[in-house]
């Protein structure tokens, strides 16, 4: 599971400020701790989506007492982004390796595209990776 740590800080107006040390652009709040954590999930998703869209660096999550899980479809896209980077390859390399058109490869990283699992399988295989799936207890 891909999850980022968050810090909750009580504000003087009774709300909770939520930030993510690994993603400095993530700042949100909620009237309760539960609402703040829910807002954090959306803010983290937006930050990761923005970084994916711009093909900007995405940091590995650090440890922390409060973790917020990334939605599964976005997790897969981030893992593929890291696999591409670890292989020291570009999207153009992936286009050649897969024999696909550029828009097909770009959609693998598009946070708004519901990519089919078999497309991920092919992309990970082209990078010498085999994706796995594990169930964990919900937070």
Foldseek 3Di string as FASTA:
>chain_A
DAWADWDWDQDPVQKIWIATPQQRVQIDIGNDPVRNLVSSQVSVQVSLLVCLVVVHDRDRHDDDPDIRDHDPLSVLLVVLSVLCVVLVHDLVVLCVLLVHDSVLSSLSSRSPHRDDPVSSQSSQVSSVHGDDDDDDDDD
